[in-house]
Structure formats: C-alpha cells, structure tokens
Amino acid sequence: MNSDCVAGVRRLPAGNVTAGRLARLTAEGVAEAPTNGLQAAPYVVADVAASGALCDCVPLTGGANARCELAGSCEPGDWLVSAGDGRVTKGEAGCAACLIGIAEEAGAEGQRVLFRPHAGMLPALGVRVQHPGTNKWHRVVGTLNEAGELTLGVETEGV
C-alpha cells in the first residue's frame, strides 16, 4: 500500500447528503446524493456535521458489510440497486441501475438494511432478466473501464 492512500472512512465536504444514504463524489470533491439510479455511488454517509460543512463517508467494499436506507422491501439474497435518491431498492426484473450489493437481511421501507456491497469495479450497470426456459434470474452486466470501454457479462443469481 502506498503511504498516500487512505483506508476507511473519508471526511468530505458535504453537499446534499443524508446520513444512512448513498453518496457520490463530484468533480469538485464534494459528497452529493445520486440523482438517478445509473450514477455510481461508492459511499454510504455515516455522519453529517451539525454545520453541514463536512460528512463522514464509508467506502463500499466487498470486504465488509454496510447499512443503507431502503426504499420498498427486500429479502436476504435480493440484489440491491441504487434507487437514485441515496436509498437502495430491490432490483426488479428489467431494472437498469447501479448494482450496490446483496441484502443480508429482510428489510422494510425506511430501514437501514444490512447488505454486502458488490465487489465488482464501479460502475457496473446491468439489467435483471428471467430466462424464459428455466425461469432462473440473470443479470446482464456492463462494466466501464478507465478508457471508457464496455465489457459485458452475465451473472446468475444464487451462483
């Protein structure tokens, strides 16, 4: 690890963020809530200072579970995607949104649900589809690299 790398919680200038919700980093270095489900949001806001000037953001990593406010409901094993407003929601058939992680507990509207963040490189965009012959759920995923090249793959639920 390089000496100039930071592990763990990041203290960032706070834009329009809420504790317990997802955040993205703007080009100006400000933590902001995502404005749609396709924006990569690699942080969960842990705390916002009373003055609103700074916030503590926990990076999402596959090495540790996290909690984020839920829109709707979910069951353990459900894929959670960005709801586009800082919350996560169950990835429904045909949805197009950033995959955030896998639910590790049942959750209800407004709850900070426990989940395992998706370990893939962000942004990972995909569409959840059901195979007409087997009725198994799959996710067609596209991942962009730094050069803007798209790699497609298929993930199967429960594998």
Protein backbone atom coordinates (compact mmCIF):
# COMPACT_ATOMS: atom_id res chain seq x y z
CA MET A 1 0.00 0.00 0.00
CA ASN A 2 1.25 3.47 -0.82
CA SER A 3 1.71 5.89 2.03
CA ASP A 4 -0.59 8.41 0.35
CA CYS A 5 -3.59 6.00 0.22
CA VAL A 6 -6.48 6.38 2.65
CA ALA A 7 -8.32 3.36 4.06
CA GLY A 8 -11.64 3.53 5.87
CA VAL A 9 -13.91 6.49 6.48
CA ARG A 10 -13.35 9.62 4.39
CA ARG A 11 -14.24 13.09 5.68
CA LEU A 12 -15.51 15.07 2.69
CA PRO A 13 -17.17 18.43 2.05
CA ALA A 14 -20.92 17.82 2.31
CA GLY A 15 -23.33 18.70 -0.43
CA ASN A 16 -26.89 17.40 -0.48
CA VAL A 17 -26.33 14.22 1.58
CA THR A 18 -28.18 12.38 4.35
CA ALA A 19 -26.73 10.03 6.96
CA GLY A 20 -27.50 6.40 6.14
CA ARG A 21 -27.80 7.01 2.40
CA LEU A 22 -25.52 6.57 -0.62
CA ALA A 23 -23.19 9.32 -1.82
CA ARG A 24 -21.13 10.03 -4.89
CA LEU A 25 -18.13 12.30 -5.27
CA THR A 26 -18.43 15.29 -7.63
CA ALA A 27 -15.62 16.67 -9.78
CA GLU A 28 -15.27 19.39 -7.14
CA GLY A 29 -14.60 16.78 -4.42
CA VAL A 30 -17.99 17.26 -2.72
CA ALA A 31 -20.11 14.34 -1.47
CA GLU A 32 -23.55 14.50 -3.10
CA ALA A 33 -26.56 12.19 -3.22
CA PRO A 34 -27.02 10.42 -6.54
CA THR A 35 -29.68 11.99 -8.75
CA ASN A 36 -30.51 8.82 -10.71
CA GLY A 37 -30.05 5.07 -10.43
CA LEU A 38 -27.26 4.94 -13.01
CA GLN A 39 -24.80 7.16 -11.13
CA ALA A 40 -22.03 5.32 -9.33
CA ALA A 41 -22.41 5.95 -5.59
CA PRO A 42 -19.50 4.18 -3.86
CA TYR A 43 -20.03 5.59 -0.33
CA VAL A 44 -22.58 5.41 2.50
CA VAL A 45 -22.80 8.59 4.57
CA ALA A 46 -22.10 7.75 8.21
CA ASP A 47 -22.49 11.23 9.69
CA VAL A 48 -23.09 14.82 8.63
CA ALA A 49 -21.64 17.59 10.81
CA ALA A 50 -24.15 19.88 12.51
CA SER A 51 -22.87 22.77 10.41
CA GLY A 52 -23.33 20.65 7.29
CA ALA A 53 -19.84 21.57 6.12
CA LEU A 54 -18.34 18.06 6.30
CA CYS A 55 -19.59 14.49 6.24
CA ASP A 56 -18.04 11.10 7.03
CA CYS A 57 -18.38 8.67 4.13
CA VAL A 58 -17.72 4.92 4.37
CA PRO A 59 -16.41 3.44 1.10
CA LEU A 60 -18.38 0.40 -0.07
CA THR A 61 -16.12 -2.64 -0.35
CA GLY A 62 -16.83 -6.35 -0.66
CA GLY A 63 -14.63 -6.89 2.41
CA ALA A 64 -17.22 -5.53 4.88
CA ASN A 65 -20.99 -5.32 5.02
CA ALA A 66 -22.78 -1.98 5.26
CA ARG A 67 -26.17 -0.46 6.08
CA CYS A 68 -28.16 1.90 3.87
CA GLU A 69 -31.71 3.25 3.90
CA LEU A 70 -34.10 1.03 1.94
CA ALA A 71 -36.84 2.09 -0.47
CA GLY A 72 -39.53 -0.63 -0.51
CA SER A 73 -38.76 -4.06 0.92
CA CYS A 74 -36.26 -6.87 0.38
CA GLU A 75 -35.37 -10.39 1.47
CA PRO A 76 -31.95 -11.92 2.18
CA GLY A 77 -30.20 -12.63 -1.14
CA ASP A 78 -32.05 -9.92 -3.11
CA TRP A 79 -29.93 -7.71 -5.32
CA LEU A 80 -29.98 -4.12 -4.14
CA VAL A 81 -29.59 -1.31 -6.65
CA SER A 82 -29.46 2.46 -6.37
CA ALA A 83 -32.94 3.99 -6.06
CA GLY A 84 -31.48 7.22 -7.50
CA ASP A 85 -32.05 9.31 -4.36
CA GLY A 86 -29.44 7.88 -1.98
CA ARG A 87 -31.51 4.88 -0.91
CA VAL A 88 -31.17 1.29 -2.12
CA THR A 89 -34.05 -0.75 -3.51
CA LYS A 90 -34.62 -4.34 -4.59
CA GLY A 91 -33.52 -4.86 -8.19
CA GLU A 92 -36.68 -5.84 -10.06
CA ALA A 93 -36.93 -7.56 -13.44
CA GLY A 94 -35.82 -5.26 -16.23
CA CYS A 95 -34.42 -2.56 -13.93
CA ALA A 96 -31.40 -0.58 -15.12
CA ALA A 97 -29.45 0.80 -12.17
CA CYS A 98 -26.07 0.52 -10.46
CA LEU A 99 -25.79 -2.73 -8.52
CA ILE A 100 -24.92 -1.76 -4.95
CA GLY A 101 -24.93 -5.14 -3.19
CA ILE A 102 -26.76 -8.22 -1.90
CA ALA A 103 -29.24 -7.99 1.00
CA GLU A 104 -28.10 -9.94 4.08
CA GLU A 105 -31.37 -9.49 5.98
CA ALA A 106 -35.05 -8.83 5.32
CA GLY A 107 -35.82 -5.13 5.16
CA ALA A 108 -38.77 -2.74 5.11
CA GLU A 109 -39.30 0.81 3.82
CA GLY A 110 -37.04 3.32 5.60
CA GLN A 111 -34.97 0.68 7.41
CA ARG A 112 -31.18 0.81 7.23
CA VAL A 113 -30.82 -2.65 5.70
CA LEU A 114 -27.69 -4.78 6.11
CA PHE A 115 -26.08 -5.74 2.80
CA ARG A 116 -22.82 -6.99 1.29
CA PRO A 117 -21.53 -4.43 -1.22
CA HIS A 118 -20.94 -5.65 -4.77
CA ALA A 119 -17.21 -6.35 -5.11
CA GLY A 120 -17.12 -5.50 -8.82
CA MET A 121 -15.44 -2.42 -10.16
CA LEU A 122 -17.80 0.57 -10.37
CA PRO A 123 -19.66 1.49 -12.39
CA ALA A 124 -21.33 -1.85 -13.01
CA LEU A 125 -24.61 -1.37 -14.84
CA GLY A 126 -27.00 -4.14 -15.70
CA VAL A 127 -30.45 -5.38 -16.48
CA ARG A 128 -32.12 -8.15 -14.46
CA VAL A 129 -33.87 -10.67 -16.73
CA GLN A 130 -35.62 -14.01 -16.27
CA HIS A 131 -34.72 -16.84 -18.65
CA PRO A 132 -37.99 -17.95 -20.32
CA GLY A 133 -36.98 -21.62 -20.44
CA THR A 134 -35.51 -22.16 -16.97
CA ASN A 135 -37.21 -19.29 -15.07
CA LYS A 136 -33.80 -18.54 -13.48
CA TRP A 137 -32.86 -14.90 -12.92
CA HIS A 138 -29.78 -13.47 -14.60
CA ARG A 139 -28.18 -10.05 -14.79
CA VAL A 140 -26.60 -8.82 -18.00
CA VAL A 141 -23.84 -6.55 -16.72
CA GLY A 142 -21.77 -3.92 -18.45
CA THR A 143 -18.66 -2.55 -16.76
CA LEU A 144 -16.78 0.54 -17.96
CA ASN A 145 -13.01 0.73 -17.56
CA GLU A 146 -10.92 3.91 -17.31
CA ALA A 147 -10.66 4.11 -21.12
CA GLY A 148 -14.46 4.06 -21.43
CA GLU A 149 -14.53 0.58 -22.97
CA LEU A 150 -17.53 -1.58 -22.16
CA THR A 151 -17.21 -5.24 -21.08
CA LEU A 152 -20.41 -7.31 -20.98
CA GLY A 153 -21.05 -10.37 -18.85
CA VAL A 154 -23.88 -12.47 -17.44
CA GLU A 155 -24.29 -13.14 -13.73
CA THR A 156 -26.63 -15.87 -12.47
CA GLU A 157 -28.43 -15.40 -9.15
CA GLY A 158 -27.61 -17.94 -6.48
CA VAL A 159 -24.29 -18.99 -8.01
